Amino acid sequence: MLNRFTASQSLEIAVGEQTIPIQHYLRQPRRLVNALVDPNRLERLEADCFRLKMRPLSFMTMTIQPTVDMKVSALANGTVRLRSQGCEIRGIEYINQRFSLNLYGRLAPYKINGITYLRGQADLEVQVEVPYPLSLTPQPIIEATGNGLLKSVLLTIKQRLMHNLLSDYQRWTCEVADQGMATQPNSQVIVGAGSAVSDDSQQPTY
């Protein structure tokens, strides 16, 4: 019997103003993904597609390590969407044939009273056939354990994002400004003029 586990996580963070609006940074998929997960576990497949080797997950007495392919889409208004494209459990063929993972995330900037915020939402779903003898465990315990595991995965990603994204955004704006000044030493660098995040009522909807 397939068991279904789910978890969701949301976040909202205030963004300090920089010389370049944050929606331009959000169009850099590699930097954004690096802020979400450990770059040492990441492989770039295409410009907007990545393969992530997740950390080992311990489920009761079973340990698995999913490898997930993800696609990152950036819209013109700065909204970013992340969606899993496939998943594989390497080394445990029995589980691999009976395992599916779906991840969907969204991150969008908006303004209230002149202050830019990022609001995000992530939803994670796993379906797996729990092997014998673990399948003899009472169903409420299996569900609570699985849901708790997925919640911890999303919480780790959220904490990493909140810790890394804004500092990398600031570092990126400095890099872009330095590159612009190096190529045009007597010119002022202007990136994306006229594309600031809209104010107040333009909050993202999910």
Protein backbone atom coordinates (compact mmCIF):
# COMPACT_ATOMS: atom_id res chain seq x y z
CA MET A 1 0.00 0.00 0.00
CA LEU A 2 1.27 3.44 -0.93
CA ASN A 3 1.66 5.90 1.93
CA ARG A 4 1.29 9.62 1.20
CA PHE A 5 3.15 12.22 3.22
CA THR A 6 2.87 16.00 2.85
CA ALA A 7 4.34 19.18 4.31
CA SER A 8 4.14 22.91 3.59
CA GLN A 9 6.26 25.84 4.67
CA SER A 10 5.88 29.59 4.14
CA LEU A 11 8.12 32.56 4.73
CA GLU A 12 8.14 36.34 4.56
CA ILE A 13 11.27 38.46 4.85
CA ALA A 14 11.93 42.17 4.50
CA VAL A 15 14.48 43.14 1.86
CA GLY A 16 16.95 45.96 2.44
CA GLU A 17 17.11 48.37 -0.47
CA GLN A 18 20.07 47.97 -2.83
CA THR A 19 21.12 49.81 -5.98
CA ILE A 20 19.54 47.05 -8.11
CA PRO A 21 15.95 45.86 -7.39
CA ILE A 22 15.80 42.31 -6.06
CA GLN A 23 13.71 40.98 -8.95
CA HIS A 24 16.85 41.22 -11.11
CA TYR A 25 18.69 38.99 -8.63
CA LEU A 26 15.78 36.54 -8.64
CA ARG A 27 16.38 36.02 -12.38
CA GLN A 28 19.73 34.37 -11.59
CA PRO A 29 18.63 30.72 -11.14
CA ARG A 30 22.03 29.33 -10.15
CA ARG A 31 22.54 31.85 -7.35
CA LEU A 32 19.02 31.38 -6.09
CA VAL A 33 19.30 27.58 -5.98
CA ASN A 34 22.67 27.88 -4.24
CA ALA A 35 20.94 29.93 -1.55
CA LEU A 36 18.35 27.17 -1.10
CA VAL A 37 20.59 24.10 -0.91
CA ASP A 38 24.21 23.05 -0.44
CA PRO A 39 26.02 23.81 -3.76
CA ASN A 40 28.23 20.74 -3.22
CA ARG A 41 25.13 18.57 -3.70
CA LEU A 42 24.03 20.38 -6.84
CA GLU A 43 24.61 19.67 -10.53
CA ARG A 44 23.49 22.05 -13.27
CA LEU A 45 21.79 20.17 -16.10
CA GLU A 46 20.59 23.16 -18.15
CA ALA A 47 20.36 26.92 -17.65
CA ASP A 48 17.26 26.53 -15.49
CA CYS A 49 17.40 22.83 -14.51
CA PHE A 50 19.35 21.36 -11.61
CA ARG A 51 19.96 17.95 -10.04
CA LEU A 52 20.06 17.86 -6.25
CA LYS A 53 21.44 14.96 -4.26
CA MET A 54 19.56 15.36 -1.00
CA ARG A 55 21.02 14.53 2.37
CA PRO A 56 20.22 11.01 3.63
CA LEU A 57 16.74 10.83 5.14
CA SER A 58 16.12 8.47 8.05
CA PHE A 59 12.60 7.09 8.13
CA MET A 60 12.13 4.84 11.14
CA THR A 61 14.81 2.12 10.56
CA MET A 62 15.18 2.90 6.83
CA THR A 63 17.58 5.43 5.26
CA ILE A 64 17.16 6.76 1.73
CA GLN A 65 18.87 9.48 -0.28
CA PRO A 66 16.69 10.91 -3.07
CA THR A 67 18.19 12.59 -6.13
CA VAL A 68 15.78 15.24 -7.42
CA ASP A 69 15.73 17.13 -10.73
CA MET A 70 14.34 20.64 -10.40
CA LYS A 71 13.32 23.37 -12.85
CA VAL A 72 13.50 27.03 -11.85
CA SER A 73 11.34 29.53 -13.74
CA ALA A 74 11.73 33.30 -13.32
CA LEU A 75 8.97 35.65 -14.44
CA ALA A 76 9.50 39.24 -15.57
CA ASN A 77 8.00 40.65 -12.34
CA GLY A 78 10.56 38.80 -10.21
CA THR A 79 8.35 35.86 -9.23
CA VAL A 80 10.28 32.59 -9.09
CA ARG A 81 8.74 29.14 -9.40
CA LEU A 82 10.51 25.91 -8.56
CA ARG A 83 9.11 22.52 -9.50
CA SER A 84 10.54 19.02 -9.26
CA GLN A 85 10.86 17.21 -12.59
CA GLY A 86 11.82 13.74 -11.43
CA CYS A 87 13.25 11.76 -8.54
CA GLU A 88 15.39 8.66 -8.11
CA ILE A 89 16.43 6.56 -5.12
CA ARG A 90 19.77 5.15 -6.14
CA GLY A 91 20.99 1.88 -4.71
CA ILE A 92 17.62 0.65 -3.39
CA GLU A 93 15.67 -0.50 -6.45
CA TYR A 94 12.71 -1.82 -4.46
CA ILE A 95 12.07 1.64 -2.97
CA ASN A 96 12.95 3.45 -6.20
CA GLN A 97 10.15 1.67 -8.08
CA ARG A 98 7.65 2.55 -5.34
CA PHE A 99 8.68 6.14 -4.58
CA SER A 100 7.59 9.51 -5.96
CA LEU A 101 8.41 13.03 -4.83
CA ASN A 102 6.71 16.28 -5.85
CA LEU A 103 8.06 19.67 -4.81
CA TYR A 104 6.58 23.02 -5.75
CA GLY A 105 7.84 26.37 -4.51
CA ARG A 106 7.10 30.00 -5.24
CA LEU A 107 8.90 33.18 -4.18
CA ALA A 108 7.70 36.68 -5.08
CA PRO A 109 8.58 40.28 -4.15
CA TYR A 110 6.01 42.89 -3.19
CA LYS A 111 5.96 46.29 -1.49
CA ILE A 112 4.06 47.71 1.45
CA ASN A 113 4.59 51.35 2.43
CA GLY A 114 7.75 51.51 0.34
CA ILE A 115 9.34 48.42 1.93
CA THR A 116 10.06 45.39 -0.27
CA TYR A 117 9.24 41.95 1.08
CA LEU A 118 9.73 38.44 -0.24
CA ARG A 119 6.89 36.01 0.33
CA GLY A 120 7.35 32.32 -0.35
CA GLN A 121 5.48 29.05 -0.15
CA ALA A 122 6.75 25.48 -0.62
CA ASP A 123 4.75 22.26 -0.79
CA LEU A 124 6.34 18.82 -0.64
CA GLU A 125 4.62 15.48 -1.23
CA VAL A 126 6.08 11.97 -1.10
CA GLN A 127 4.36 8.71 -1.94
CA VAL A 128 6.14 5.51 -1.03
CA GLU A 129 5.35 1.88 -0.32
CA VAL A 130 6.75 1.16 3.13
CA PRO A 131 8.48 -2.26 3.01
CA TYR A 132 7.86 -5.16 5.35
CA PRO A 133 8.27 -5.35 8.37
CA LEU A 134 7.97 -1.53 8.72
CA SER A 135 4.56 -1.81 7.10
CA LEU A 136 3.34 -3.55 10.26
CA THR A 137 3.75 -0.28 12.18
CA PRO A 138 0.41 1.37 13.04
CA GLN A 139 -0.63 3.74 10.24
CA PRO A 140 -0.92 6.86 12.46
CA ILE A 141 2.73 6.41 13.53
CA ILE A 142 3.88 5.94 9.92
CA GLU A 143 2.00 9.08 8.82
CA ALA A 144 3.24 11.22 11.72
CA THR A 145 6.84 10.10 11.14
CA GLY A 146 6.71 10.72 7.39
CA ASN A 147 5.00 14.10 7.64
CA GLY A 148 7.45 15.18 10.34
CA LEU A 149 10.40 14.19 8.16
CA LEU A 150 9.14 16.24 5.21
CA LYS A 151 8.46 19.20 7.49
CA SER A 152 12.06 19.09 8.72
CA VAL A 153 13.32 19.04 5.11
CA LEU A 154 11.35 22.18 4.22
CA LEU A 155 12.33 23.89 7.47
CA THR A 156 16.01 23.33 6.69
CA ILE A 157 15.54 24.86 3.23
CA LYS A 158 13.66 27.82 4.72
CA GLN A 159 16.37 28.49 7.29
CA ARG A 160 19.07 28.31 4.65
CA LEU A 161 17.15 30.66 2.37
CA MET A 162 16.59 33.24 5.11
CA HIS A 163 20.26 33.06 6.11
CA ASN A 164 21.84 33.13 2.64
CA LEU A 165 19.58 34.87 0.15
CA LEU A 166 19.76 38.48 1.32
CA SER A 167 23.50 38.37 1.93
CA ASP A 168 24.08 36.89 -1.53
CA TYR A 169 21.74 39.47 -3.07
CA GLN A 170 23.85 42.23 -1.51
CA ARG A 171 27.04 40.55 -2.72
CA TRP A 172 25.60 40.20 -6.23
CA THR A 173 24.67 43.89 -6.47
CA CYS A 174 28.23 44.81 -5.50
CA GLU A 175 29.64 42.43 -8.12
CA VAL A 176 27.41 43.87 -10.84
CA ALA A 177 28.33 47.43 -9.87
CA ASP A 178 32.06 46.58 -9.83
CA GLN A 179 31.83 44.95 -13.25
CA GLY A 180 29.99 47.95 -14.64
CA MET A 181 32.53 50.40 -13.23
CA ALA A 182 35.39 48.30 -14.61
CA THR A 183 34.00 48.40 -18.14
CA GLN A 184 32.78 52.00 -17.95
CA PRO A 185 34.98 53.80 -15.39
CA ASN A 186 33.53 57.20 -16.18
CA SER A 187 29.90 56.11 -16.32
CA GLN A 188 27.25 55.50 -13.74
CA VAL A 189 25.88 51.95 -13.62
CA ILE A 190 22.12 51.69 -14.08
CA VAL A 191 20.51 48.26 -14.23
CA GLY A 192 16.88 47.68 -15.03
CA ALA A 193 15.67 51.24 -14.72
CA GLY A 194 11.93 51.52 -14.47
CA SER A 195 11.33 47.92 -13.36
CA ALA A 196 10.95 48.37 -9.63
CA VAL A 197 8.53 46.20 -7.69
CA SER A 198 5.07 47.71 -7.64
CA ASP A 199 3.80 49.14 -4.37
CA ASP A 200 1.26 48.23 -1.69
CA SER A 201 -1.62 46.38 -3.34
CA GLN A 202 0.57 44.28 -5.65
CA GLN A 203 1.10 41.40 -3.26
CA PRO A 204 1.65 37.94 -4.72
CA THR A 205 -1.21 35.50 -4.73
CA TYR A 206 -0.77 31.79 -4.31
